[in-house]
Amino acid sequence: MSNVVNDEPISTLIGKPSRVYTTGDMLTEDFVPNRVNIELSESGEIVRVWMG
């Protein structure tokens, strides 16, 4: 299973555990396969969405 969200509809992310953080924030190193991670820029724009 890839940890990158590419061609999946955004609706597949609803209801999953999530973590939202800003680029450069410290993160825990635990791997949660069904967790949606949303990385934001300093200005609040989405940089990356990934699973894990």
PDB file of N, CA and C in Angstrom:
ATOM      1  N   MET A   1       0.845  -1.195   0.000  1.00  0.00           N
ATOM      2  CA  MET A   1       0.000   0.000   0.000  1.00  0.00           C
ATOM      3  C   MET A   1       0.878   1.242   0.000  1.00  0.00           C
ATOM      4  N   SER A   2       0.626   2.137  -0.881  1.00  0.00           N
ATOM      5  CA  SER A   2       1.358   3.394  -0.959  1.00  0.00           C
ATOM      6  C   SER A   2       0.863   4.339   0.114  1.00  0.00           C
ATOM      7  N   ASN A   3       1.732   5.206   0.603  1.00  0.00           N
ATOM      8  CA  ASN A   3       1.306   6.178   1.603  1.00  0.00           C
ATOM      9  C   ASN A   3       0.974   7.534   0.976  1.00  0.00           C
ATOM     10  N   VAL A   4       0.992   7.616  -0.344  1.00  0.00           N
ATOM     11  CA  VAL A   4       0.674   8.863  -1.037  1.00  0.00           C
ATOM     12  C   VAL A   4      -0.754   8.798  -1.560  1.00  0.00           C
ATOM     13  N   VAL A   5      -1.485   9.881  -1.372  1.00  0.00           N
ATOM     14  CA  VAL A   5      -2.857   9.964  -1.877  1.00  0.00           C
ATOM     15  C   VAL A   5      -2.774  10.594  -3.257  1.00  0.00           C
ATOM     16  N   ASN A   6      -3.078   9.812  -4.285  1.00  0.00           N
ATOM     17  CA  ASN A   6      -2.948  10.310  -5.650  1.00  0.00           C
ATOM     18  C   ASN A   6      -4.293  10.433  -6.337  1.00  0.00           C
ATOM     19  N   ASP A   7      -4.800   9.326  -6.803  1.00  0.00           N
ATOM     20  CA  ASP A   7      -6.000   9.349  -7.623  1.00  0.00           C
ATOM     21  C   ASP A   7      -7.263   8.969  -6.859  1.00  0.00           C
ATOM     22  N   GLU A   8      -7.181   8.900  -5.544  1.00  0.00           N
ATOM     23  CA  GLU A   8      -8.342   8.546  -4.744  1.00  0.00           C
ATOM     24  C   GLU A   8      -9.263   9.763  -4.597  1.00  0.00           C
ATOM     25  N   PRO A   9     -10.579   9.548  -4.683  1.00  0.00           N
ATOM     26  CA  PRO A   9     -11.502  10.658  -4.443  1.00  0.00           C
ATOM     27  C   PRO A   9     -11.348  11.175  -3.013  1.00  0.00           C
ATOM     28  N   ILE A  10     -11.471  12.469  -2.833  1.00  0.00           N
ATOM     29  CA  ILE A  10     -11.332  13.075  -1.508  1.00  0.00           C
ATOM     30  C   ILE A  10     -12.320  12.474  -0.517  1.00  0.00           C
ATOM     31  N   SER A  11     -13.447  11.984  -1.006  1.00  0.00           N
ATOM     32  CA  SER A  11     -14.457  11.390  -0.126  1.00  0.00           C
ATOM     33  C   SER A  11     -13.944  10.143   0.591  1.00  0.00           C
ATOM     34  N   THR A  12     -12.893   9.495   0.068  1.00  0.00           N
ATOM     35  CA  THR A  12     -12.353   8.306   0.727  1.00  0.00           C
ATOM     36  C   THR A  12     -11.610   8.668   2.014  1.00  0.00           C
ATOM     37  N   LEU A  13     -11.315   9.943   2.227  1.00  0.00           N
ATOM     38  CA  LEU A  13     -10.585  10.377   3.419  1.00  0.00           C
ATOM     39  C   LEU A  13     -11.508  10.715   4.581  1.00  0.00           C
ATOM     40  N   ILE A  14     -12.800  10.889   4.316  1.00  0.00           N
ATOM     41  CA  ILE A  14     -13.756  11.278   5.355  1.00  0.00           C
ATOM     42  C   ILE A  14     -13.880  10.182   6.397  1.00  0.00           C
ATOM     43  N   GLY A  15     -13.832  10.573   7.656  1.00  0.00           N
ATOM     44  CA  GLY A  15     -14.002   9.647   8.756  1.00  0.00           C
ATOM     45  C   GLY A  15     -12.739   8.948   9.211  1.00  0.00           C
ATOM     46  N   LYS A  16     -11.622   9.184   8.548  1.00  0.00           N
ATOM     47  CA  LYS A  16     -10.370   8.559   8.949  1.00  0.00           C
ATOM     48  C   LYS A  16      -9.669   9.437   9.982  1.00  0.00           C
ATOM     49  N   PRO A  17      -8.850   8.815  10.842  1.00  0.00           N
ATOM     50  CA  PRO A  17      -8.055   9.632  11.769  1.00  0.00           C
ATOM     51  C   PRO A  17      -7.196  10.599  10.958  1.00  0.00           C
ATOM     52  N   SER A  18      -6.927  11.764  11.514  1.00  0.00           N
ATOM     53  CA  SER A  18      -6.170  12.746  10.743  1.00  0.00           C
ATOM     54  C   SER A  18      -5.177  13.497  11.614  1.00  0.00           C
ATOM     55  N   ARG A  19      -4.191  14.075  10.944  1.00  0.00           N
ATOM     56  CA  ARG A  19      -3.199  14.936  11.583  1.00  0.00           C
ATOM     57  C   ARG A  19      -2.924  16.067  10.605  1.00  0.00           C
ATOM     58  N   VAL A  20      -3.047  17.284  11.084  1.00  0.00           N
ATOM     59  CA  VAL A  20      -2.779  18.469  10.266  1.00  0.00           C
ATOM     60  C   VAL A  20      -1.593  19.185  10.907  1.00  0.00           C
ATOM     61  N   TYR A  21      -0.608  19.514  10.104  1.00  0.00           N
ATOM     62  CA  TYR A  21       0.586  20.164  10.638  1.00  0.00           C
ATOM     63  C   TYR A  21       1.165  21.126   9.602  1.00  0.00           C
ATOM     64  N   THR A  22       2.036  22.002  10.070  1.00  0.00           N
ATOM     65  CA  THR A  22       2.704  22.976   9.209  1.00  0.00           C
ATOM     66  C   THR A  22       4.098  22.450   8.872  1.00  0.00           C
ATOM     67  N   THR A  23       4.549  22.682   7.656  1.00  0.00           N
ATOM     68  CA  THR A  23       5.883  22.270   7.227  1.00  0.00           C
ATOM     69  C   THR A  23       6.904  22.695   8.275  1.00  0.00           C
ATOM     70  N   GLY A  24       7.732  21.754   8.702  1.00  0.00           N
ATOM     71  CA  GLY A  24       8.765  22.042   9.694  1.00  0.00           C
ATOM     72  C   GLY A  24       8.366  21.685  11.115  1.00  0.00           C
ATOM     73  N   ASP A  25       7.077  21.421  11.370  1.00  0.00           N
ATOM     74  CA  ASP A  25       6.645  21.002  12.707  1.00  0.00           C
ATOM     75  C   ASP A  25       7.270  19.660  13.052  1.00  0.00           C
ATOM     76  N   MET A  26       7.499  19.427  14.343  1.00  0.00           N
ATOM     77  CA  MET A  26       7.960  18.118  14.797  1.00  0.00           C
ATOM     78  C   MET A  26       6.774  17.161  14.787  1.00  0.00           C
ATOM     79  N   LEU A  27       6.998  15.939  14.300  1.00  0.00           N
ATOM     80  CA  LEU A  27       5.953  14.929  14.252  1.00  0.00           C
ATOM     81  C   LEU A  27       6.414  13.686  15.000  1.00  0.00           C
ATOM     82  N   THR A  28       5.454  12.940  15.548  1.00  0.00           N
ATOM     83  CA  THR A  28       5.787  11.648  16.119  1.00  0.00           C
ATOM     84  C   THR A  28       6.135  10.697  14.987  1.00  0.00           C
ATOM     85  N   GLU A  29       6.869   9.653  15.276  1.00  0.00           N
ATOM     86  CA  GLU A  29       7.292   8.715  14.241  1.00  0.00           C
ATOM     87  C   GLU A  29       6.417   7.465  14.184  1.00  0.00           C
ATOM     88  N   ASP A  30       5.273   7.490  14.879  1.00  0.00           N
ATOM     89  CA  ASP A  30       4.392   6.329  14.829  1.00  0.00           C
ATOM     90  C   ASP A  30       3.719   6.243  13.468  1.00  0.00           C
ATOM     91  N   PHE A  31       3.541   5.021  12.988  1.00  0.00           N
ATOM     92  CA  PHE A  31       2.911   4.815  11.686  1.00  0.00           C
ATOM     93  C   PHE A  31       1.507   4.290  11.904  1.00  0.00           C
ATOM     94  N   VAL A  32       0.524   5.048  11.452  1.00  0.00           N
ATOM     95  CA  VAL A  32      -0.880   4.662  11.527  1.00  0.00           C
ATOM     96  C   VAL A  32      -1.366   4.574  10.077  1.00  0.00           C
ATOM     97  N   PRO A  33      -1.481   3.360   9.529  1.00  0.00           N
ATOM     98  CA  PRO A  33      -1.734   3.194   8.095  1.00  0.00           C
ATOM     99  C   PRO A  33      -2.955   3.933   7.553  1.00  0.00           C
ATOM    100  N   ASN A  34      -4.003   4.072   8.350  1.00  0.00           N
ATOM    101  CA  ASN A  34      -5.217   4.705   7.830  1.00  0.00           C
ATOM    102  C   ASN A  34      -5.341   6.174   8.242  1.00  0.00           C
ATOM    103  N   ARG A  35      -4.274   6.762   8.804  1.00  0.00           N
ATOM    104  CA  ARG A  35      -4.313   8.176   9.208  1.00  0.00           C
ATOM    105  C   ARG A  35      -4.011   9.076   8.009  1.00  0.00           C
ATOM    106  N   VAL A  36      -4.812  10.104   7.852  1.00  0.00           N
ATOM    107  CA  VAL A  36      -4.614  11.109   6.813  1.00  0.00           C
ATOM    108  C   VAL A  36      -3.740  12.223   7.396  1.00  0.00           C
ATOM    109  N   ASN A  37      -2.624  12.500   6.763  1.00  0.00           N
ATOM    110  CA  ASN A  37      -1.736  13.580   7.179  1.00  0.00           C
ATOM    111  C   ASN A  37      -1.858  14.704   6.167  1.00  0.00           C
ATOM    112  N   ILE A  38      -2.096  15.903   6.670  1.00  0.00           N
ATOM    113  CA  ILE A  38      -2.229  17.068   5.794  1.00  0.00           C
ATOM    114  C   ILE A  38      -1.175  18.084   6.201  1.00  0.00           C
ATOM    115  N   GLU A  39      -0.257  18.326   5.301  1.00  0.00           N
ATOM    116  CA  GLU A  39       0.828  19.281   5.546  1.00  0.00           C
ATOM    117  C   GLU A  39       0.443  20.631   4.961  1.00  0.00           C
ATOM    118  N   LEU A  40       0.556  21.672   5.784  1.00  0.00           N
ATOM    119  CA  LEU A  40       0.219  23.032   5.362  1.00  0.00           C
ATOM    120  C   LEU A  40       1.475  23.887   5.280  1.00  0.00           C
ATOM    121  N   SER A  41       1.464  24.854   4.369  1.00  0.00           N
ATOM    122  CA  SER A  41       2.543  25.835   4.301  1.00  0.00           C
ATOM    123  C   SER A  41       2.332  26.849   5.420  1.00  0.00           C
ATOM    124  N   GLU A  42       3.285  27.716   5.615  1.00  0.00           N
ATOM    125  CA  GLU A  42       3.162  28.770   6.630  1.00  0.00           C
ATOM    126  C   GLU A  42       1.946  29.662   6.374  1.00  0.00           C
ATOM    127  N   SER A  43       1.547  29.775   5.103  1.00  0.00           N
ATOM    128  CA  SER A  43       0.395  30.617   4.765  1.00  0.00           C
ATOM    129  C   SER A  43      -0.927  29.853   4.830  1.00  0.00           C
ATOM    130  N   GLY A  44      -0.860  28.545   5.181  1.00  0.00           N
ATOM    131  CA  GLY A  44      -2.078  27.762   5.338  1.00  0.00           C
ATOM    132  C   GLY A  44      -2.522  27.000   4.105  1.00  0.00           C
ATOM    133  N   GLU A  45      -1.723  27.017   3.044  1.00  0.00           N
ATOM    134  CA  GLU A  45      -2.062  26.270   1.835  1.00  0.00           C
ATOM    135  C   GLU A  45      -1.634  24.814   1.984  1.00  0.00           C
ATOM    136  N   ILE A  46      -2.391  23.894   1.410  1.00  0.00           N
ATOM    137  CA  ILE A  46      -2.060  22.477   1.470  1.00  0.00           C
ATOM    138  C   ILE A  46      -0.836  22.203   0.606  1.00  0.00           C
ATOM    139  N   VAL A  47       0.179  21.602   1.215  1.00  0.00           N
ATOM    140  CA  VAL A  47       1.418  21.253   0.531  1.00  0.00           C
ATOM    141  C   VAL A  47       1.382  19.805   0.085  1.00  0.00           C
ATOM    142  N   ARG A  48       0.889  18.928   0.987  1.00  0.00           N
ATOM    143  CA  ARG A  48       0.910  17.487   0.713  1.00  0.00           C
ATOM    144  C   ARG A  48      -0.141  16.791   1.558  1.00  0.00           C
ATOM    145  N   VAL A  49      -0.750  15.752   1.003  1.00  0.00           N
ATOM    146  CA  VAL A  49      -1.674  14.895   1.720  1.00  0.00           C
ATOM    147  C   VAL A  49      -1.152  13.478   1.579  1.00  0.00           C
ATOM    148  N   TRP A  50      -0.971  12.794   2.707  1.00  0.00           N
ATOM    149  CA  TRP A  50      -0.429  11.438   2.662  1.00  0.00           C
ATOM    150  C   TRP A  50      -1.013  10.590   3.787  1.00  0.00           C
ATOM    151  N   MET A  51      -0.915   9.298   3.616  1.00  0.00           N
ATOM    152  CA  MET A  51      -1.426   8.338   4.597  1.00  0.00           C
ATOM    153  C   MET A  51      -0.262   7.801   5.415  1.00  0.00           C
ATOM    154  N   GLY A  52      -0.513   7.548   6.694  1.00  0.00           N
ATOM    155  CA  GLY A  52       0.512   6.910   7.510  1.00  0.00           C
ATOM    156  C   GLY A  52       0.705   7.493   8.849  1.00  0.00           C
TER     157      GLY A  52
END
